[in-house]
Amino acid sequence: MKQELAEEGSRCSILSKQHRFNEHCCIRCCSPFTFLINPKRPCLDCQYNVCKTCRTYSKREKAWLCTACQKTSLL
């Protein structure tokens, strides 16, 4: 799981360098954001915008966490 998270971090780092990529697409799965169907939300930990498939709501933090940051917090 640690290697998987490291690879995910590397991929996100590369994608985030693309001009405004994360404004229009999810940093985790690259799906495009749409206003009502697939809205973007910033992850509390990494601050990347993620889609509804790649995030969960943390009741404790009262904020959204992406799947990678959620897995990291479990380690």
N, C-alpha and C. Protein backbone atom coordinates (compact mmCIF):
# COMPACT_ATOMS: atom_id res chain seq x y z
N MET A 1 0.82 -1.18 0.00
CA MET A 1 0.00 0.00 0.00
C MET A 1 0.87 1.26 0.00
N LYS A 2 2.02 1.23 0.69
CA LYS A 2 2.90 2.40 0.73
C LYS A 2 3.45 2.73 -0.65
N GLN A 3 3.79 1.69 -1.42
CA GLN A 3 4.30 1.91 -2.77
C GLN A 3 3.20 2.51 -3.65
N GLU A 4 1.98 2.01 -3.50
CA GLU A 4 0.85 2.53 -4.26
C GLU A 4 0.63 4.01 -3.96
N LEU A 5 0.72 4.39 -2.70
CA LEU A 5 0.55 5.79 -2.31
C LEU A 5 1.70 6.66 -2.83
N ALA A 6 2.90 6.12 -2.85
CA ALA A 6 4.05 6.87 -3.38
C ALA A 6 3.89 7.12 -4.87
N GLU A 7 3.42 6.09 -5.61
CA GLU A 7 3.17 6.25 -7.04
C GLU A 7 2.07 7.27 -7.29
N GLU A 8 1.04 7.25 -6.48
CA GLU A 8 -0.05 8.21 -6.59
C GLU A 8 0.47 9.63 -6.36
N GLY A 9 1.33 9.80 -5.38
CA GLY A 9 1.91 11.11 -5.11
C GLY A 9 2.74 11.63 -6.27
N SER A 10 3.52 10.74 -6.88
CA SER A 10 4.33 11.13 -8.03
C SER A 10 3.46 11.54 -9.21
N ARG A 11 2.42 10.78 -9.45
CA ARG A 11 1.50 11.09 -10.56
C ARG A 11 0.83 12.43 -10.34
N CYS A 12 0.38 12.68 -9.12
CA CYS A 12 -0.28 13.94 -8.80
C CYS A 12 0.67 15.12 -8.95
N SER A 13 1.91 14.91 -8.57
CA SER A 13 2.91 15.97 -8.70
C SER A 13 3.12 16.35 -10.16
N ILE A 14 3.18 15.37 -11.02
CA ILE A 14 3.35 15.62 -12.45
C ILE A 14 2.12 16.31 -13.02
N LEU A 15 0.94 15.81 -12.71
CA LEU A 15 -0.29 16.40 -13.24
C LEU A 15 -0.51 17.82 -12.74
N SER A 16 -0.15 18.09 -11.51
CA SER A 16 -0.38 19.42 -10.96
C SER A 16 0.49 20.48 -11.63
N LYS A 17 1.57 20.07 -12.29
CA LYS A 17 2.43 21.01 -13.00
C LYS A 17 1.84 21.41 -14.35
N GLN A 18 0.88 20.64 -14.83
CA GLN A 18 0.20 21.00 -16.07
C GLN A 18 -0.69 22.21 -15.81
N HIS A 19 -0.60 23.19 -16.65
CA HIS A 19 -1.31 24.45 -16.45
C HIS A 19 -2.81 24.23 -16.25
N ARG A 20 -3.28 24.52 -15.06
CA ARG A 20 -4.70 24.50 -14.68
C ARG A 20 -5.38 23.13 -14.84
N PHE A 21 -4.62 22.05 -14.88
CA PHE A 21 -5.22 20.72 -15.04
C PHE A 21 -6.25 20.44 -13.95
N ASN A 22 -5.89 20.71 -12.71
CA ASN A 22 -6.76 20.37 -11.59
C ASN A 22 -7.97 21.28 -11.46
N GLU A 23 -8.02 22.34 -12.23
CA GLU A 23 -9.22 23.19 -12.24
C GLU A 23 -10.35 22.52 -13.01
N HIS A 24 -9.98 21.67 -13.97
CA HIS A 24 -10.98 21.06 -14.85
C HIS A 24 -11.14 19.56 -14.68
N CYS A 25 -10.14 18.90 -14.08
CA CYS A 25 -10.17 17.44 -13.95
C CYS A 25 -9.71 16.99 -12.57
N CYS A 26 -10.22 15.85 -12.16
CA CYS A 26 -9.84 15.26 -10.87
C CYS A 26 -8.37 14.85 -10.91
N ILE A 27 -7.63 15.21 -9.89
CA ILE A 27 -6.20 14.89 -9.82
C ILE A 27 -5.97 13.39 -9.61
N ARG A 28 -6.93 12.68 -9.08
CA ARG A 28 -6.79 11.25 -8.79
C ARG A 28 -7.16 10.37 -9.98
N CYS A 29 -8.30 10.63 -10.64
CA CYS A 29 -8.76 9.74 -11.72
C CYS A 29 -8.84 10.42 -13.08
N CYS A 30 -8.59 11.73 -13.12
CA CYS A 30 -8.57 12.52 -14.36
C CYS A 30 -9.95 12.70 -15.00
N SER A 31 -11.02 12.39 -14.29
CA SER A 31 -12.35 12.62 -14.86
C SER A 31 -12.66 14.11 -14.83
N PRO A 32 -13.37 14.60 -15.85
CA PRO A 32 -13.69 16.03 -15.91
C PRO A 32 -14.76 16.41 -14.88
N PHE A 33 -14.64 17.61 -14.35
CA PHE A 33 -15.64 18.12 -13.41
C PHE A 33 -16.82 18.70 -14.18
N THR A 34 -18.02 18.48 -13.66
CA THR A 34 -19.22 19.14 -14.18
C THR A 34 -19.97 19.71 -12.99
N PHE A 35 -20.66 20.79 -13.21
CA PHE A 35 -21.25 21.56 -12.13
C PHE A 35 -22.16 20.73 -11.22
N LEU A 36 -23.13 20.03 -11.75
CA LEU A 36 -24.08 19.29 -10.92
C LEU A 36 -23.78 17.80 -10.81
N ILE A 37 -23.28 17.21 -11.86
CA ILE A 37 -23.11 15.76 -11.89
C ILE A 37 -21.84 15.30 -11.18
N ASN A 38 -20.75 16.02 -11.38
CA ASN A 38 -19.46 15.62 -10.80
C ASN A 38 -18.70 16.87 -10.33
N PRO A 39 -19.16 17.52 -9.26
CA PRO A 39 -18.52 18.76 -8.81
C PRO A 39 -17.16 18.51 -8.15
N LYS A 40 -16.30 19.50 -8.23
CA LYS A 40 -14.98 19.38 -7.59
C LYS A 40 -15.07 19.85 -6.14
N ARG A 41 -14.27 19.22 -5.29
CA ARG A 41 -14.15 19.62 -3.89
C ARG A 41 -12.68 19.51 -3.52
N PRO A 42 -12.13 20.46 -2.78
CA PRO A 42 -10.73 20.36 -2.37
C PRO A 42 -10.55 19.38 -1.21
N CYS A 43 -9.49 18.60 -1.28
CA CYS A 43 -9.14 17.70 -0.18
C CYS A 43 -8.57 18.53 0.96
N LEU A 44 -8.95 18.22 2.17
CA LEU A 44 -8.48 18.95 3.34
C LEU A 44 -6.96 18.85 3.51
N ASP A 45 -6.39 17.68 3.21
CA ASP A 45 -4.96 17.46 3.44
C ASP A 45 -4.08 17.94 2.29
N CYS A 46 -4.31 17.45 1.08
CA CYS A 46 -3.42 17.78 -0.04
C CYS A 46 -3.85 19.02 -0.82
N GLN A 47 -5.08 19.46 -0.63
CA GLN A 47 -5.62 20.65 -1.28
C GLN A 47 -5.87 20.49 -2.78
N TYR A 48 -5.74 19.28 -3.32
CA TYR A 48 -6.07 19.05 -4.72
C TYR A 48 -7.58 18.94 -4.85
N ASN A 49 -8.12 19.33 -6.01
CA ASN A 49 -9.53 19.16 -6.29
C ASN A 49 -9.77 17.71 -6.71
N VAL A 50 -10.82 17.10 -6.14
CA VAL A 50 -11.14 15.72 -6.45
C VAL A 50 -12.62 15.58 -6.78
N CYS A 51 -12.97 14.53 -7.52
CA CYS A 51 -14.35 14.29 -7.93
C CYS A 51 -15.10 13.51 -6.84
N LYS A 52 -16.37 13.28 -7.09
CA LYS A 52 -17.20 12.60 -6.08
C LYS A 52 -16.78 11.14 -5.88
N THR A 53 -16.19 10.53 -6.88
CA THR A 53 -15.75 9.14 -6.77
C THR A 53 -14.48 9.00 -5.94
N CYS A 54 -13.65 10.02 -5.97
CA CYS A 54 -12.33 9.96 -5.33
C CYS A 54 -12.26 10.67 -3.99
N ARG A 55 -13.38 10.87 -3.33
CA ARG A 55 -13.38 11.56 -2.04
C ARG A 55 -14.39 10.94 -1.09
N THR A 56 -14.16 11.17 0.19
CA THR A 56 -15.12 10.79 1.22
C THR A 56 -15.21 11.95 2.21
N TYR A 57 -16.35 12.04 2.86
CA TYR A 57 -16.55 13.12 3.82
C TYR A 57 -16.14 12.65 5.21
N SER A 58 -15.29 13.40 5.85
CA SER A 58 -14.85 13.08 7.21
C SER A 58 -15.73 13.84 8.19
N LYS A 59 -16.55 13.12 8.92
CA LYS A 59 -17.41 13.77 9.90
C LYS A 59 -16.59 14.38 11.03
N ARG A 60 -15.50 13.73 11.37
CA ARG A 60 -14.64 14.23 12.44
C ARG A 60 -14.00 15.57 12.06
N GLU A 61 -13.50 15.65 10.82
CA GLU A 61 -12.85 16.87 10.34
C GLU A 61 -13.86 17.86 9.75
N LYS A 62 -15.05 17.36 9.44
CA LYS A 62 -16.09 18.16 8.76
C LYS A 62 -15.57 18.74 7.45
N ALA A 63 -14.92 17.86 6.68
CA ALA A 63 -14.35 18.27 5.40
C ALA A 63 -14.16 17.03 4.51
N TRP A 64 -13.87 17.27 3.24
CA TRP A 64 -13.63 16.20 2.29
C TRP A 64 -12.17 15.76 2.33
N LEU A 65 -11.96 14.45 2.17
CA LEU A 65 -10.62 13.88 2.04
C LEU A 65 -10.57 13.04 0.78
N CYS A 66 -9.49 13.17 0.02
CA CYS A 66 -9.36 12.31 -1.16
C CYS A 66 -9.01 10.89 -0.68
N THR A 67 -9.18 9.94 -1.56
CA THR A 67 -8.95 8.54 -1.18
C THR A 67 -7.50 8.29 -0.78
N ALA A 68 -6.55 8.96 -1.45
CA ALA A 68 -5.13 8.76 -1.11
C ALA A 68 -4.82 9.31 0.28
N CYS A 69 -5.32 10.49 0.61
CA CYS A 69 -5.07 11.06 1.94
C CYS A 69 -5.78 10.27 3.02
N GLN A 70 -6.93 9.72 2.69
CA GLN A 70 -7.65 8.90 3.66
C GLN A 70 -6.85 7.63 3.96
N LYS A 71 -6.29 6.99 2.92
CA LYS A 71 -5.47 5.79 3.12
C LYS A 71 -4.22 6.13 3.92
N THR A 72 -3.61 7.27 3.64
CA THR A 72 -2.41 7.69 4.36
C THR A 72 -2.70 7.88 5.84
N SER A 73 -3.85 8.43 6.15
CA SER A 73 -4.20 8.66 7.56
C SER A 73 -4.45 7.35 8.30
N LEU A 74 -4.78 6.29 7.58
CA LEU A 74 -5.01 4.99 8.20
C LEU A 74 -3.71 4.27 8.53
N LEU A 75 -2.62 4.66 7.86
CA LEU A 75 -1.32 3.99 8.09
C LEU A 75 -0.70 4.39 9.38
